[in-house]
Amino acid sequence: MLLVAILINMAAPGIPNGGVVIGATYLSIFNIPLDFIGFYSGIYKILDMSYTTLNVTGDITADILLTKEDVNNE
């Protein structure tokens, strides 16, 4: 179940709440009623904000480290 979740999330579109569509696919794969999509979409909003924050923080950190490395080489 965890492996399928990882593979599905890697293919998630880069649009706001795109993971809800992926979540519906995940629910149908494991024969969970699609009635749970409302519950899932409520939780997903909180997770999506966390994912976005971590992604942006990682991008900024990588940029700072690469810039610092480039400045040291000059």
PDB file of N, CA and C in Angstrom:
ATOM      1  N   MET A   1       0.828  -1.188   0.000  1.00  0.00           N
ATOM      2  CA  MET A   1       0.000   0.000   0.000  1.00  0.00           C
ATOM      3  C   MET A   1       0.871   1.251   0.000  1.00  0.00           C
ATOM      4  N   LEU A   2       1.939   1.223   0.777  1.00  0.00           N
ATOM      5  CA  LEU A   2       2.849   2.367   0.826  1.00  0.00           C
ATOM      6  C   LEU A   2       3.557   2.557  -0.510  1.00  0.00           C
ATOM      7  N   LEU A   3       3.965   1.472  -1.136  1.00  0.00           N
ATOM      8  CA  LEU A   3       4.644   1.553  -2.436  1.00  0.00           C
ATOM      9  C   LEU A   3       3.724   2.166  -3.495  1.00  0.00           C
ATOM     10  N   VAL A   4       2.476   1.734  -3.514  1.00  0.00           N
ATOM     11  CA  VAL A   4       1.524   2.291  -4.475  1.00  0.00           C
ATOM     12  C   VAL A   4       1.317   3.780  -4.208  1.00  0.00           C
ATOM     13  N   ALA A   5       1.222   4.167  -2.946  1.00  0.00           N
ATOM     14  CA  ALA A   5       1.045   5.578  -2.605  1.00  0.00           C
ATOM     15  C   ALA A   5       2.234   6.404  -3.081  1.00  0.00           C
ATOM     16  N   ILE A   6       3.427   5.892  -2.907  1.00  0.00           N
ATOM     17  CA  ILE A   6       4.628   6.615  -3.347  1.00  0.00           C
ATOM     18  C   ILE A   6       4.637   6.768  -4.858  1.00  0.00           C
ATOM     19  N   LEU A   7       4.338   5.691  -5.569  1.00  0.00           N
ATOM     20  CA  LEU A   7       4.341   5.741  -7.032  1.00  0.00           C
ATOM     21  C   LEU A   7       3.270   6.681  -7.570  1.00  0.00           C
ATOM     22  N   ILE A   8       2.091   6.664  -6.966  1.00  0.00           N
ATOM     23  CA  ILE A   8       1.020   7.554  -7.419  1.00  0.00           C
ATOM     24  C   ILE A   8       1.373   9.008  -7.142  1.00  0.00           C
ATOM     25  N   ASN A   9       1.931   9.298  -5.975  1.00  0.00           N
ATOM     26  CA  ASN A   9       2.270  10.678  -5.638  1.00  0.00           C
ATOM     27  C   ASN A   9       3.404  11.223  -6.477  1.00  0.00           C
ATOM     28  N   MET A  10       4.271  10.371  -6.975  1.00  0.00           N
ATOM     29  CA  MET A  10       5.342  10.838  -7.857  1.00  0.00           C
ATOM     30  C   MET A  10       4.762  11.335  -9.177  1.00  0.00           C
ATOM     31  N   ALA A  11       3.599  10.827  -9.542  1.00  0.00           N
ATOM     32  CA  ALA A  11       2.970  11.231 -10.792  1.00  0.00           C
ATOM     33  C   ALA A  11       1.936  12.321 -10.592  1.00  0.00           C
ATOM     34  N   ALA A  12       1.834  12.862  -9.384  1.00  0.00           N
ATOM     35  CA  ALA A  12       0.821  13.890  -9.098  1.00  0.00           C
ATOM     36  C   ALA A  12       1.079  15.134  -9.938  1.00  0.00           C
ATOM     37  N   PRO A  13       0.036  15.694 -10.489  1.00  0.00           N
ATOM     38  CA  PRO A  13       0.220  16.901 -11.300  1.00  0.00           C
ATOM     39  C   PRO A  13       0.627  18.093 -10.445  1.00  0.00           C
ATOM     40  N   GLY A  14       1.290  19.042 -11.043  1.00  0.00           N
ATOM     41  CA  GLY A  14       1.760  20.221 -10.329  1.00  0.00           C
ATOM     42  C   GLY A  14       0.728  21.327 -10.289  1.00  0.00           C
ATOM     43  N   ILE A  15      -0.493  20.976 -10.008  1.00  0.00           N
ATOM     44  CA  ILE A  15      -1.562  21.964  -9.913  1.00  0.00           C
ATOM     45  C   ILE A  15      -2.143  21.919  -8.502  1.00  0.00           C
ATOM     46  N   PRO A  16      -2.719  23.025  -8.041  1.00  0.00           N
ATOM     47  CA  PRO A  16      -3.309  23.006  -6.696  1.00  0.00           C
ATOM     48  C   PRO A  16      -4.399  21.938  -6.575  1.00  0.00           C
ATOM     49  N   ASN A  17      -4.332  21.174  -5.521  1.00  0.00           N
ATOM     50  CA  ASN A  17      -5.278  20.098  -5.216  1.00  0.00           C
ATOM     51  C   ASN A  17      -5.304  18.999  -6.272  1.00  0.00           C
ATOM     52  N   GLY A  18      -4.255  18.890  -7.062  1.00  0.00           N
ATOM     53  CA  GLY A  18      -4.169  17.811  -8.041  1.00  0.00           C
ATOM     54  C   GLY A  18      -4.058  16.453  -7.374  1.00  0.00           C
ATOM     55  N   GLY A  19      -3.568  16.431  -6.154  1.00  0.00           N
ATOM     56  CA  GLY A  19      -3.437  15.182  -5.419  1.00  0.00           C
ATOM     57  C   GLY A  19      -4.766  14.571  -5.033  1.00  0.00           C
ATOM     58  N   VAL A  20      -5.826  15.372  -5.042  1.00  0.00           N
ATOM     59  CA  VAL A  20      -7.148  14.834  -4.722  1.00  0.00           C
ATOM     60  C   VAL A  20      -7.576  13.858  -5.820  1.00  0.00           C
ATOM     61  N   VAL A  21      -7.274  14.196  -7.062  1.00  0.00           N
ATOM     62  CA  VAL A  21      -7.578  13.290  -8.175  1.00  0.00           C
ATOM     63  C   VAL A  21      -6.752  12.017  -8.035  1.00  0.00           C
ATOM     64  N   ILE A  22      -5.496  12.169  -7.687  1.00  0.00           N
ATOM     65  CA  ILE A  22      -4.632  11.016  -7.467  1.00  0.00           C
ATOM     66  C   ILE A  22      -5.156  10.202  -6.284  1.00  0.00           C
ATOM     67  N   GLY A  23      -5.651  10.871  -5.256  1.00  0.00           N
ATOM     68  CA  GLY A  23      -6.221  10.183  -4.096  1.00  0.00           C
ATOM     69  C   GLY A  23      -7.432   9.355  -4.464  1.00  0.00           C
ATOM     70  N   ALA A  24      -8.249   9.871  -5.370  1.00  0.00           N
ATOM     71  CA  ALA A  24      -9.413   9.104  -5.827  1.00  0.00           C
ATOM     72  C   ALA A  24      -8.959   7.832  -6.534  1.00  0.00           C
ATOM     73  N   THR A  25      -7.900   7.929  -7.300  1.00  0.00           N
ATOM     74  CA  THR A  25      -7.341   6.745  -7.951  1.00  0.00           C
ATOM     75  C   THR A  25      -6.836   5.764  -6.909  1.00  0.00           C
ATOM     76  N   TYR A  26      -6.169   6.280  -5.912  1.00  0.00           N
ATOM     77  CA  TYR A  26      -5.638   5.449  -4.834  1.00  0.00           C
ATOM     78  C   TYR A  26      -6.762   4.720  -4.104  1.00  0.00           C
ATOM     79  N   LEU A  27      -7.849   5.435  -3.832  1.00  0.00           N
ATOM     80  CA  LEU A  27      -8.986   4.811  -3.149  1.00  0.00           C
ATOM     81  C   LEU A  27      -9.601   3.701  -4.005  1.00  0.00           C
ATOM     82  N   SER A  28      -9.719   3.939  -5.299  1.00  0.00           N
ATOM     83  CA  SER A  28     -10.340   2.934  -6.156  1.00  0.00           C
ATOM     84  C   SER A  28      -9.446   1.707  -6.333  1.00  0.00           C
ATOM     85  N   ILE A  29      -8.134   1.881  -6.296  1.00  0.00           N
ATOM     86  CA  ILE A  29      -7.219   0.738  -6.424  1.00  0.00           C
ATOM     87  C   ILE A  29      -7.429  -0.237  -5.272  1.00  0.00           C
ATOM     88  N   PHE A  30      -7.656   0.279  -4.087  1.00  0.00           N
ATOM     89  CA  PHE A  30      -7.811  -0.577  -2.914  1.00  0.00           C
ATOM     90  C   PHE A  30      -9.277  -0.814  -2.543  1.00  0.00           C
ATOM     91  N   ASN A  31     -10.181  -0.567  -3.502  1.00  0.00           N
ATOM     92  CA  ASN A  31     -11.612  -0.821  -3.324  1.00  0.00           C
ATOM     93  C   ASN A  31     -12.202  -0.128  -2.094  1.00  0.00           C
ATOM     94  N   ILE A  32     -11.706   1.070  -1.807  1.00  0.00           N
ATOM     95  CA  ILE A  32     -12.261   1.887  -0.733  1.00  0.00           C
ATOM     96  C   ILE A  32     -13.337   2.766  -1.371  1.00  0.00           C
ATOM     97  N   PRO A  33     -14.513   2.862  -0.765  1.00  0.00           N
ATOM     98  CA  PRO A  33     -15.586   3.674  -1.374  1.00  0.00           C
ATOM     99  C   PRO A  33     -15.143   5.110  -1.626  1.00  0.00           C
ATOM    100  N   LEU A  34     -15.543   5.641  -2.767  1.00  0.00           N
ATOM    101  CA  LEU A  34     -15.164   7.011  -3.123  1.00  0.00           C
ATOM    102  C   LEU A  34     -15.849   8.046  -2.243  1.00  0.00           C
ATOM    103  N   ASP A  35     -16.726   7.608  -1.348  1.00  0.00           N
ATOM    104  CA  ASP A  35     -17.349   8.535  -0.400  1.00  0.00           C
ATOM    105  C   ASP A  35     -16.308   9.165   0.522  1.00  0.00           C
ATOM    106  N   PHE A  36     -15.166   8.528   0.662  1.00  0.00           N
ATOM    107  CA  PHE A  36     -14.107   9.042   1.533  1.00  0.00           C
ATOM    108  C   PHE A  36     -13.300  10.165   0.895  1.00  0.00           C
ATOM    109  N   ILE A  37     -13.595  10.480  -0.368  1.00  0.00           N
ATOM    110  CA  ILE A  37     -12.808  11.510  -1.048  1.00  0.00           C
ATOM    111  C   ILE A  37     -12.997  12.876  -0.388  1.00  0.00           C
ATOM    112  N   GLY A  38     -14.156  13.134   0.190  1.00  0.00           N
ATOM    113  CA  GLY A  38     -14.370  14.406   0.900  1.00  0.00           C
ATOM    114  C   GLY A  38     -13.464  14.525   2.109  1.00  0.00           C
ATOM    115  N   PHE A  39     -13.372  13.453   2.871  1.00  0.00           N
ATOM    116  CA  PHE A  39     -12.474  13.415   4.026  1.00  0.00           C
ATOM    117  C   PHE A  39     -11.022  13.568   3.582  1.00  0.00           C
ATOM    118  N   TYR A  40     -10.674  12.853   2.518  1.00  0.00           N
ATOM    119  CA  TYR A  40      -9.312  12.901   1.995  1.00  0.00           C
ATOM    120  C   TYR A  40      -8.953  14.305   1.500  1.00  0.00           C
ATOM    121  N   SER A  41      -9.886  14.952   0.806  1.00  0.00           N
ATOM    122  CA  SER A  41      -9.572  16.282   0.271  1.00  0.00           C
ATOM    123  C   SER A  41      -9.399  17.314   1.390  1.00  0.00           C
ATOM    124  N   GLY A  42     -10.089  17.120   2.514  1.00  0.00           N
ATOM    125  CA  GLY A  42      -9.901  18.022   3.650  1.00  0.00           C
ATOM    126  C   GLY A  42      -8.528  17.878   4.270  1.00  0.00           C
ATOM    127  N   ILE A  43      -8.070  16.665   4.396  1.00  0.00           N
ATOM    128  CA  ILE A  43      -6.731  16.411   4.947  1.00  0.00           C
ATOM    129  C   ILE A  43      -5.652  16.787   3.938  1.00  0.00           C
ATOM    130  N   TYR A  44      -5.925  16.555   2.664  1.00  0.00           N
ATOM    131  CA  TYR A  44      -4.915  16.805   1.639  1.00  0.00           C
ATOM    132  C   TYR A  44      -4.507  18.273   1.586  1.00  0.00           C
ATOM    133  N   LYS A  45      -5.441  19.174   1.846  1.00  0.00           N
ATOM    134  CA  LYS A  45      -5.111  20.607   1.792  1.00  0.00           C
ATOM    135  C   LYS A  45      -3.992  20.941   2.781  1.00  0.00           C
ATOM    136  N   ILE A  46      -4.076  20.362   3.980  1.00  0.00           N
ATOM    137  CA  ILE A  46      -3.030  20.592   4.995  1.00  0.00           C
ATOM    138  C   ILE A  46      -1.717  19.960   4.538  1.00  0.00           C
ATOM    139  N   LEU A  47      -1.781  18.744   4.011  1.00  0.00           N
ATOM    140  CA  LEU A  47      -0.572  18.081   3.532  1.00  0.00           C
ATOM    141  C   LEU A  47       0.043  18.825   2.355  1.00  0.00           C
ATOM    142  N   ASP A  48      -0.804  19.331   1.452  1.00  0.00           N
ATOM    143  CA  ASP A  48      -0.312  20.040   0.278  1.00  0.00           C
ATOM    144  C   ASP A  48       0.458  21.293   0.673  1.00  0.00           C
ATOM    145  N   MET A  49      -0.039  22.006   1.676  1.00  0.00           N
ATOM    146  CA  MET A  49       0.681  23.196   2.145  1.00  0.00           C
ATOM    147  C   MET A  49       2.046  22.803   2.717  1.00  0.00           C
ATOM    148  N   SER A  50       2.099  21.677   3.422  1.00  0.00           N
ATOM    149  CA  SER A  50       3.375  21.208   3.981  1.00  0.00           C
ATOM    150  C   SER A  50       4.335  20.795   2.876  1.00  0.00           C
ATOM    151  N   TYR A  51       3.833  20.067   1.880  1.00  0.00           N
ATOM    152  CA  TYR A  51       4.685  19.645   0.766  1.00  0.00           C
ATOM    153  C   TYR A  51       5.260  20.848   0.030  1.00  0.00           C
ATOM    154  N   THR A  52       4.411  21.843  -0.206  1.00  0.00           N
ATOM    155  CA  THR A  52       4.856  23.037  -0.924  1.00  0.00           C
ATOM    156  C   THR A  52       5.910  23.796  -0.122  1.00  0.00           C
ATOM    157  N   THR A  53       5.690  23.921   1.177  1.00  0.00           N
ATOM    158  CA  THR A  53       6.666  24.610   2.034  1.00  0.00           C
ATOM    159  C   THR A  53       8.006  23.896   2.017  1.00  0.00           C
ATOM    160  N   LEU A  54       7.988  22.574   2.143  1.00  0.00           N
ATOM    161  CA  LEU A  54       9.241  21.813   2.121  1.00  0.00           C
ATOM    162  C   LEU A  54       9.926  21.903   0.763  1.00  0.00           C
ATOM    163  N   ASN A  55       9.153  21.877  -0.299  1.00  0.00           N
ATOM    164  CA  ASN A  55       9.721  21.962  -1.639  1.00  0.00           C
ATOM    165  C   ASN A  55      10.402  23.308  -1.861  1.00  0.00           C
ATOM    166  N   VAL A  56       9.720  24.388  -1.502  1.00  0.00           N
ATOM    167  CA  VAL A  56      10.287  25.724  -1.685  1.00  0.00           C
ATOM    168  C   VAL A  56      11.512  25.921  -0.791  1.00  0.00           C
ATOM    169  N   THR A  57      11.437  25.440   0.452  1.00  0.00           N
ATOM    170  CA  THR A  57      12.570  25.559   1.368  1.00  0.00           C
ATOM    171  C   THR A  57      13.780  24.795   0.828  1.00  0.00           C
ATOM    172  N   GLY A  58      13.544  23.620   0.291  1.00  0.00           N
ATOM    173  CA  GLY A  58      14.635  22.841  -0.293  1.00  0.00           C
ATOM    174  C   GLY A  58      15.249  23.524  -1.502  1.00  0.00           C
ATOM    175  N   ASP A  59      14.398  24.105  -2.353  1.00  0.00           N
ATOM    176  CA  ASP A  59      14.905  24.823  -3.526  1.00  0.00           C
ATOM    177  C   ASP A  59      15.745  26.026  -3.120  1.00  0.00           C
ATOM    178  N   ILE A  60      15.282  26.770  -2.134  1.00  0.00           N
ATOM    179  CA  ILE A  60      16.022  27.954  -1.671  1.00  0.00           C
ATOM    180  C   ILE A  60      17.347  27.530  -1.033  1.00  0.00           C
ATOM    181  N   THR A  61      17.321  26.484  -0.226  1.00  0.00           N
ATOM    182  CA  THR A  61      18.543  26.005   0.422  1.00  0.00           C
ATOM    183  C   THR A  61      19.561  25.548  -0.618  1.00  0.00           C
ATOM    184  N   ALA A  62      19.106  24.796  -1.618  1.00  0.00           N
ATOM    185  CA  ALA A  62      20.013  24.340  -2.674  1.00  0.00           C
ATOM    186  C   ALA A  62      20.602  25.523  -3.431  1.00  0.00           C
ATOM    187  N   ASP A  63      19.780  26.528  -3.716  1.00  0.00           N
ATOM    188  CA  ASP A  63      20.263  27.709  -4.419  1.00  0.00           C
ATOM    189  C   ASP A  63      21.319  28.447  -3.601  1.00  0.00           C
ATOM    190  N   ILE A  64      21.086  28.590  -2.314  1.00  0.00           N
ATOM    191  CA  ILE A  64      22.050  29.269  -1.443  1.00  0.00           C
ATOM    192  C   ILE A  64      23.366  28.495  -1.402  1.00  0.00           C
ATOM    193  N   LEU A  65      23.278  27.177  -1.251  1.00  0.00           N
ATOM    194  CA  LEU A  65      24.499  26.364  -1.195  1.00  0.00           C
ATOM    195  C   LEU A  65      25.265  26.394  -2.513  1.00  0.00           C
ATOM    196  N   LEU A  66      24.560  26.343  -3.626  1.00  0.00           N
ATOM    197  CA  LEU A  66      25.237  26.384  -4.923  1.00  0.00           C
ATOM    198  C   LEU A  66      25.849  27.759  -5.182  1.00  0.00           C
ATOM    199  N   THR A  67      25.156  28.805  -4.783  1.00  0.00           N
ATOM    200  CA  THR A  67      25.692  30.154  -4.957  1.00  0.00           C
ATOM    201  C   THR A  67      26.928  30.344  -4.083  1.00  0.00           C
ATOM    202  N   LYS A  68      26.871  29.847  -2.858  1.00  0.00           N
ATOM    203  CA  LYS A  68      28.007  29.956  -1.942  1.00  0.00           C
ATOM    204  C   LYS A  68      29.209  29.194  -2.496  1.00  0.00           C
ATOM    205  N   GLU A  69      28.956  28.017  -3.055  1.00  0.00           N
ATOM    206  CA  GLU A  69      30.033  27.209  -3.653  1.00  0.00           C
ATOM    207  C   GLU A  69      30.637  27.928  -4.854  1.00  0.00           C
ATOM    208  N   ASP A  70      29.770  28.544  -5.666  1.00  0.00           N
ATOM    209  CA  ASP A  70      30.238  29.263  -6.849  1.00  0.00           C
ATOM    210  C   ASP A  70      31.083  30.472  -6.457  1.00  0.00           C
ATOM    211  N   VAL A  71      30.692  31.186  -5.420  1.00  0.00           N
ATOM    212  CA  VAL A  71      31.433  32.365  -4.957  1.00  0.00           C
ATOM    213  C   VAL A  71      32.794  31.936  -4.413  1.00  0.00           C
ATOM    214  N   ASN A  72      32.854  30.804  -3.715  1.00  0.00           N
ATOM    215  CA  ASN A  72      34.126  30.327  -3.161  1.00  0.00           C
ATOM    216  C   ASN A  72      35.108  29.898  -4.247  1.00  0.00           C
ATOM    217  N   ASN A  73      34.616  29.468  -5.390  1.00  0.00           N
ATOM    218  CA  ASN A  73      35.476  29.022  -6.473  1.00  0.00           C
ATOM    219  C   ASN A  73      36.064  30.178  -7.266  1.00  0.00           C
ATOM    220  N   GLU A  74      35.526  31.355  -7.120  1.00  0.00           N
ATOM    221  CA  GLU A  74      36.036  32.510  -7.899  1.00  0.00           C
ATOM    222  C   GLU A  74      37.209  33.162  -7.264  1.00  0.00           C
TER     223      GLU A  74
END
